[in-house]
N, C-alpha and C. Protein backbone atom coordinates (compact mmCIF):
# COMPACT_ATOMS: atom_id res chain seq x y z
N UNK A 1 9.55 -17.92 5.42
CA UNK A 1 9.73 -16.54 4.98
C UNK A 1 8.50 -16.11 4.19
N UNK A 2 7.93 -14.97 4.58
CA UNK A 2 6.75 -14.44 3.90
C UNK A 2 7.18 -13.73 2.63
N UNK A 3 6.45 -14.00 1.58
CA UNK A 3 6.67 -13.29 0.31
C UNK A 3 5.47 -12.39 0.05
N UNK A 4 5.74 -11.19 -0.40
CA UNK A 4 4.67 -10.26 -0.74
C UNK A 4 4.82 -9.84 -2.18
N UNK A 5 3.69 -9.75 -2.84
CA UNK A 5 3.67 -9.30 -4.23
C UNK A 5 2.65 -8.19 -4.34
N UNK A 6 3.14 -7.01 -4.72
CA UNK A 6 2.27 -5.85 -4.93
C UNK A 6 1.97 -5.72 -6.42
N UNK A 7 0.77 -5.24 -6.72
CA UNK A 7 0.38 -5.05 -8.12
C UNK A 7 -0.67 -3.96 -8.20
N UNK A 8 -0.95 -3.55 -9.44
CA UNK A 8 -2.02 -2.58 -9.67
C UNK A 8 -1.55 -1.18 -10.00
N UNK A 9 -0.26 -0.95 -9.94
CA UNK A 9 0.24 0.38 -10.26
C UNK A 9 0.18 0.68 -11.74
N UNK A 10 0.57 1.89 -12.10
CA UNK A 10 0.58 2.27 -13.50
C UNK A 10 0.68 3.76 -13.66
N UNK A 11 0.46 4.21 -14.89
CA UNK A 11 0.49 5.63 -15.22
C UNK A 11 -0.96 6.13 -15.28
N UNK A 12 -1.21 7.19 -14.57
CA UNK A 12 -2.57 7.74 -14.53
C UNK A 12 -2.49 9.26 -14.53
N UNK A 13 -3.49 9.88 -15.08
CA UNK A 13 -3.54 11.35 -15.10
C UNK A 13 -3.98 11.89 -13.74
N UNK A 14 -3.61 13.12 -13.44
CA UNK A 14 -4.10 13.72 -12.19
C UNK A 14 -5.62 13.66 -12.12
N UNK A 15 -6.11 13.31 -10.94
CA UNK A 15 -7.55 13.13 -10.76
C UNK A 15 -8.02 11.72 -11.00
N UNK A 16 -7.15 10.87 -11.53
CA UNK A 16 -7.52 9.50 -11.80
C UNK A 16 -7.47 8.60 -10.58
N UNK A 17 -7.74 7.32 -10.80
CA UNK A 17 -7.80 6.34 -9.71
C UNK A 17 -7.02 5.09 -10.05
N UNK A 18 -6.55 4.44 -9.02
CA UNK A 18 -5.91 3.13 -9.14
C UNK A 18 -6.26 2.32 -7.90
N UNK A 19 -6.25 1.01 -8.06
CA UNK A 19 -6.44 0.11 -6.92
C UNK A 19 -5.25 -0.83 -6.83
N UNK A 20 -4.52 -0.73 -5.75
CA UNK A 20 -3.37 -1.58 -5.54
C UNK A 20 -3.76 -2.81 -4.73
N UNK A 21 -3.06 -3.90 -5.01
CA UNK A 21 -3.26 -5.14 -4.25
C UNK A 21 -1.93 -5.65 -3.75
N UNK A 22 -1.96 -6.32 -2.62
CA UNK A 22 -0.76 -6.93 -2.07
C UNK A 22 -1.15 -8.28 -1.50
N UNK A 23 -0.52 -9.32 -2.01
CA UNK A 23 -0.79 -10.68 -1.55
C UNK A 23 0.42 -11.18 -0.77
N UNK A 24 0.15 -11.72 0.41
CA UNK A 24 1.20 -12.31 1.23
C UNK A 24 1.09 -13.82 1.19
N UNK A 25 2.21 -14.49 1.01
CA UNK A 25 2.19 -15.95 0.96
C UNK A 25 3.39 -16.52 1.71
N UNK A 26 3.30 -17.79 2.01
CA UNK A 26 4.37 -18.45 2.74
C UNK A 26 3.81 -19.22 3.91
N UNK A 27 4.67 -19.87 4.62
CA UNK A 27 4.25 -20.65 5.78
C UNK A 27 3.99 -19.73 6.96
N UNK A 28 2.89 -19.99 7.62
CA UNK A 28 2.59 -19.30 8.88
C UNK A 28 2.57 -17.78 8.73
N UNK A 29 1.87 -17.31 7.71
CA UNK A 29 1.75 -15.87 7.52
C UNK A 29 0.91 -15.28 8.65
N UNK A 30 1.48 -14.36 9.38
CA UNK A 30 0.74 -13.65 10.42
C UNK A 30 0.20 -12.38 9.80
N UNK A 31 -1.11 -12.33 9.67
CA UNK A 31 -1.78 -11.27 8.89
C UNK A 31 -2.54 -10.37 9.85
N UNK A 32 -1.83 -9.61 10.64
CA UNK A 32 -2.48 -8.77 11.64
C UNK A 32 -2.56 -7.31 11.21
N UNK A 33 -1.71 -6.48 11.79
CA UNK A 33 -1.72 -5.07 11.45
C UNK A 33 -0.87 -4.86 10.20
N UNK A 34 -1.45 -4.14 9.24
CA UNK A 34 -0.81 -4.02 7.93
C UNK A 34 -0.76 -2.57 7.49
N UNK A 35 0.16 -2.30 6.58
CA UNK A 35 0.26 -0.93 6.08
C UNK A 35 0.70 -0.88 4.64
N UNK A 36 0.31 0.20 3.97
CA UNK A 36 0.86 0.55 2.67
C UNK A 36 1.87 1.68 2.87
N UNK A 37 3.02 1.51 2.26
CA UNK A 37 4.08 2.48 2.34
C UNK A 37 4.41 2.94 0.92
N UNK A 38 5.09 4.07 0.81
CA UNK A 38 5.56 4.50 -0.51
C UNK A 38 6.92 5.15 -0.37
N UNK A 39 7.65 5.11 -1.48
CA UNK A 39 9.00 5.67 -1.47
C UNK A 39 9.29 6.34 -2.79
N UNK A 40 9.86 7.52 -2.68
CA UNK A 40 10.32 8.29 -3.82
C UNK A 40 11.85 8.25 -3.79
N UNK A 41 12.51 8.13 -4.94
CA UNK A 41 13.98 8.09 -4.95
C UNK A 41 14.58 9.24 -4.16
N UNK A 42 15.54 8.90 -3.30
CA UNK A 42 16.21 9.91 -2.51
C UNK A 42 15.51 10.26 -1.21
N UNK A 43 14.34 9.67 -0.97
CA UNK A 43 13.61 9.95 0.26
C UNK A 43 13.35 8.65 1.02
N UNK A 44 13.06 8.78 2.30
CA UNK A 44 12.74 7.61 3.11
C UNK A 44 11.35 7.07 2.76
N UNK A 45 11.22 5.80 2.98
CA UNK A 45 9.91 5.18 2.79
C UNK A 45 8.96 5.73 3.86
N UNK A 46 7.72 6.05 3.47
CA UNK A 46 6.75 6.60 4.40
C UNK A 46 5.48 5.78 4.41
N UNK A 47 4.84 5.75 5.56
CA UNK A 47 3.57 5.06 5.70
C UNK A 47 2.45 5.96 5.19
N UNK A 48 1.59 5.44 4.34
CA UNK A 48 0.47 6.24 3.85
C UNK A 48 -0.86 5.77 4.41
N UNK A 49 -0.98 4.48 4.73
CA UNK A 49 -2.25 3.98 5.26
C UNK A 49 -1.98 2.71 6.05
N UNK A 50 -2.78 2.50 7.08
CA UNK A 50 -2.64 1.30 7.89
C UNK A 50 -4.01 0.76 8.25
N UNK A 51 -4.07 -0.56 8.43
CA UNK A 51 -5.31 -1.20 8.86
C UNK A 51 -4.95 -2.23 9.92
N UNK A 52 -5.65 -2.15 11.05
CA UNK A 52 -5.38 -3.07 12.13
C UNK A 52 -6.18 -4.36 11.94
N UNK A 53 -5.89 -5.35 12.77
CA UNK A 53 -6.57 -6.63 12.64
C UNK A 53 -8.07 -6.50 12.90
N UNK A 54 -8.47 -5.47 13.67
CA UNK A 54 -9.90 -5.27 13.95
C UNK A 54 -10.58 -4.39 12.91
N UNK A 55 -9.84 -3.99 11.88
CA UNK A 55 -10.42 -3.19 10.81
C UNK A 55 -10.24 -1.70 10.96
N UNK A 56 -9.74 -1.25 12.11
CA UNK A 56 -9.50 0.18 12.29
C UNK A 56 -8.46 0.65 11.29
N UNK A 57 -8.70 1.83 10.71
CA UNK A 57 -7.78 2.36 9.71
C UNK A 57 -7.28 3.74 10.11
N UNK A 58 -6.11 4.09 9.62
CA UNK A 58 -5.66 5.48 9.72
C UNK A 58 -4.76 5.80 8.54
N UNK A 59 -4.69 7.10 8.24
CA UNK A 59 -4.07 7.57 7.01
C UNK A 59 -3.14 8.74 7.28
N UNK A 60 -2.13 8.86 6.42
CA UNK A 60 -1.30 10.05 6.44
C UNK A 60 -2.17 11.23 6.01
N UNK A 61 -1.87 12.40 6.55
CA UNK A 61 -2.67 13.58 6.23
C UNK A 61 -2.71 13.85 4.74
N UNK A 62 -1.62 13.53 4.05
CA UNK A 62 -1.53 13.86 2.62
C UNK A 62 -2.49 13.03 1.77
N UNK A 63 -2.99 11.92 2.29
CA UNK A 63 -3.86 11.06 1.48
C UNK A 63 -5.26 10.92 2.08
N UNK A 64 -5.46 11.49 3.25
CA UNK A 64 -6.74 11.35 3.93
C UNK A 64 -7.87 11.88 3.06
N UNK A 65 -8.93 11.08 2.95
CA UNK A 65 -10.07 11.47 2.13
C UNK A 65 -9.95 11.03 0.68
N UNK A 66 -8.76 10.60 0.28
CA UNK A 66 -8.57 10.17 -1.12
C UNK A 66 -8.23 8.69 -1.22
N UNK A 67 -7.55 8.14 -0.23
CA UNK A 67 -7.14 6.74 -0.24
C UNK A 67 -7.97 5.94 0.76
N UNK A 68 -8.22 4.67 0.42
CA UNK A 68 -8.93 3.77 1.32
C UNK A 68 -8.20 2.44 1.36
N UNK A 69 -7.85 2.00 2.55
CA UNK A 69 -7.19 0.71 2.73
C UNK A 69 -8.23 -0.31 3.19
N UNK A 70 -8.11 -1.53 2.68
CA UNK A 70 -9.01 -2.60 3.08
C UNK A 70 -8.26 -3.92 3.03
N UNK A 71 -8.89 -4.96 3.51
CA UNK A 71 -8.20 -6.25 3.59
C UNK A 71 -9.16 -7.40 3.38
N UNK A 72 -8.62 -8.52 2.92
CA UNK A 72 -9.35 -9.78 2.83
C UNK A 72 -8.47 -10.81 3.51
N UNK A 73 -8.82 -11.16 4.74
CA UNK A 73 -7.97 -12.06 5.52
C UNK A 73 -7.89 -13.45 4.90
N UNK A 74 -8.99 -13.92 4.36
CA UNK A 74 -9.00 -15.26 3.78
C UNK A 74 -8.04 -15.36 2.61
N UNK A 75 -7.91 -14.27 1.87
CA UNK A 75 -7.03 -14.26 0.70
C UNK A 75 -5.64 -13.71 1.04
N UNK A 76 -5.43 -13.33 2.28
CA UNK A 76 -4.15 -12.74 2.71
C UNK A 76 -3.78 -11.58 1.77
N UNK A 77 -4.75 -10.74 1.53
CA UNK A 77 -4.59 -9.64 0.58
C UNK A 77 -5.01 -8.33 1.23
N UNK A 78 -4.21 -7.30 0.99
CA UNK A 78 -4.56 -5.96 1.43
C UNK A 78 -4.60 -5.05 0.20
N UNK A 79 -5.57 -4.14 0.21
CA UNK A 79 -5.82 -3.29 -0.95
C UNK A 79 -5.62 -1.82 -0.59
N UNK A 80 -5.36 -1.03 -1.62
CA UNK A 80 -5.32 0.41 -1.44
C UNK A 80 -6.04 1.04 -2.62
N UNK A 81 -7.22 1.56 -2.36
CA UNK A 81 -7.96 2.30 -3.38
C UNK A 81 -7.51 3.74 -3.34
N UNK A 82 -7.01 4.23 -4.46
CA UNK A 82 -6.48 5.60 -4.53
C UNK A 82 -7.30 6.40 -5.52
N UNK A 83 -7.96 7.42 -5.04
CA UNK A 83 -8.78 8.29 -5.88
C UNK A 83 -8.20 9.70 -5.91
N UNK A 84 -8.63 10.46 -6.90
CA UNK A 84 -8.19 11.85 -7.02
C UNK A 84 -6.67 11.95 -6.88
N UNK A 85 -5.98 11.15 -7.64
CA UNK A 85 -4.52 11.10 -7.53
C UNK A 85 -3.87 12.41 -7.95
N UNK A 86 -2.78 12.71 -7.28
CA UNK A 86 -2.03 13.94 -7.53
C UNK A 86 -0.60 13.58 -7.95
N UNK A 87 0.07 14.48 -8.67
CA UNK A 87 1.47 14.19 -9.06
C UNK A 87 2.35 13.85 -7.87
N UNK A 88 2.04 14.41 -6.70
CA UNK A 88 2.83 14.14 -5.50
C UNK A 88 2.67 12.70 -4.99
N UNK A 89 1.70 11.99 -5.52
CA UNK A 89 1.50 10.59 -5.13
C UNK A 89 2.42 9.65 -5.92
N UNK A 90 3.14 10.18 -6.88
CA UNK A 90 4.06 9.36 -7.67
C UNK A 90 5.11 8.76 -6.76
N UNK A 91 5.22 7.43 -6.80
CA UNK A 91 6.14 6.71 -5.92
C UNK A 91 6.04 5.22 -6.21
N UNK A 92 6.93 4.45 -5.59
CA UNK A 92 6.78 3.00 -5.56
C UNK A 92 6.06 2.66 -4.27
N UNK A 93 5.00 1.86 -4.38
CA UNK A 93 4.16 1.52 -3.25
C UNK A 93 4.43 0.07 -2.80
N UNK A 94 4.53 -0.09 -1.49
CA UNK A 94 4.82 -1.39 -0.89
C UNK A 94 3.83 -1.66 0.23
N UNK A 95 3.66 -2.94 0.53
CA UNK A 95 2.89 -3.28 1.73
C UNK A 95 3.81 -4.03 2.71
N UNK A 96 3.47 -3.95 3.96
CA UNK A 96 4.22 -4.65 4.99
C UNK A 96 3.41 -4.61 6.28
N UNK A 97 3.97 -5.15 7.32
CA UNK A 97 3.27 -5.18 8.59
C UNK A 97 3.45 -3.86 9.33
N UNK A 98 2.63 -3.70 10.35
CA UNK A 98 2.70 -2.53 11.23
C UNK A 98 2.71 -3.02 12.66
N UNK A 99 3.25 -2.28 13.64
CA UNK A 99 3.98 -1.02 13.45
C UNK A 99 5.38 -1.20 12.86
N UNK A 100 5.95 -2.38 13.00
CA UNK A 100 7.28 -2.62 12.44
C UNK A 100 7.17 -3.50 11.21
N UNK A 101 7.79 -3.10 10.12
CA UNK A 101 7.78 -3.94 8.91
C UNK A 101 8.67 -5.16 9.12
N UNK A 102 8.05 -6.35 9.25
CA UNK A 102 8.84 -7.54 9.52
C UNK A 102 8.96 -8.46 8.31
N UNK A 103 8.10 -8.26 7.31
CA UNK A 103 8.24 -9.07 6.10
C UNK A 103 9.40 -8.55 5.26
N UNK A 104 9.95 -9.44 4.46
CA UNK A 104 10.92 -8.97 3.49
C UNK A 104 10.18 -8.09 2.49
N UNK A 105 10.76 -6.95 2.16
CA UNK A 105 10.10 -6.04 1.25
C UNK A 105 9.94 -6.66 -0.14
N UNK A 106 8.77 -6.48 -0.73
CA UNK A 106 8.55 -6.94 -2.09
C UNK A 106 9.13 -5.96 -3.10
N UNK A 107 8.81 -6.20 -4.34
CA UNK A 107 9.32 -5.34 -5.42
C UNK A 107 8.60 -4.00 -5.45
N UNK A 108 7.41 -4.00 -4.89
CA UNK A 108 6.61 -2.78 -4.94
C UNK A 108 5.93 -2.64 -6.29
N UNK A 109 5.07 -1.65 -6.38
CA UNK A 109 4.39 -1.36 -7.64
C UNK A 109 4.48 0.14 -7.89
N UNK A 110 4.90 0.50 -9.09
CA UNK A 110 5.14 1.90 -9.43
C UNK A 110 3.82 2.60 -9.75
N UNK A 111 3.61 3.73 -9.13
CA UNK A 111 2.49 4.60 -9.44
C UNK A 111 3.05 5.92 -9.95
N UNK A 112 2.63 6.29 -11.15
CA UNK A 112 3.07 7.55 -11.74
C UNK A 112 1.84 8.37 -12.10
N UNK A 113 1.78 9.56 -11.55
CA UNK A 113 0.66 10.46 -11.81
C UNK A 113 1.19 11.64 -12.62
N UNK A 114 0.77 11.69 -13.86
CA UNK A 114 1.30 12.72 -14.75
C UNK A 114 0.33 12.93 -15.91
N UNK A 115 0.29 14.16 -16.38
CA UNK A 115 -0.52 14.46 -17.55
C UNK A 115 0.32 14.39 -18.81
């Protein structure tokens, strides 16, 4: 069973930046296509960024130009650099596989954007 641990969230003012990290561990971790997702209470979890095994990336329109996803295969870690944060980015952020999330969901990391 793969375990994922997300970190790097926090409270930041609008216009600020955060860098999230997600480490996957366990036996036989398949580290191919990955994504960062976020969820706000009462709403469905949504994909915000994805990175394929070949490094190709794509982003939700709401974060395009502000967020950057990257990966370190040797460390089984995926990152999300978030710049120019907006209050609408407030959510719990999770990582998982793409296109279907097959790992057990981690605890996520809370991002709060507020002045």
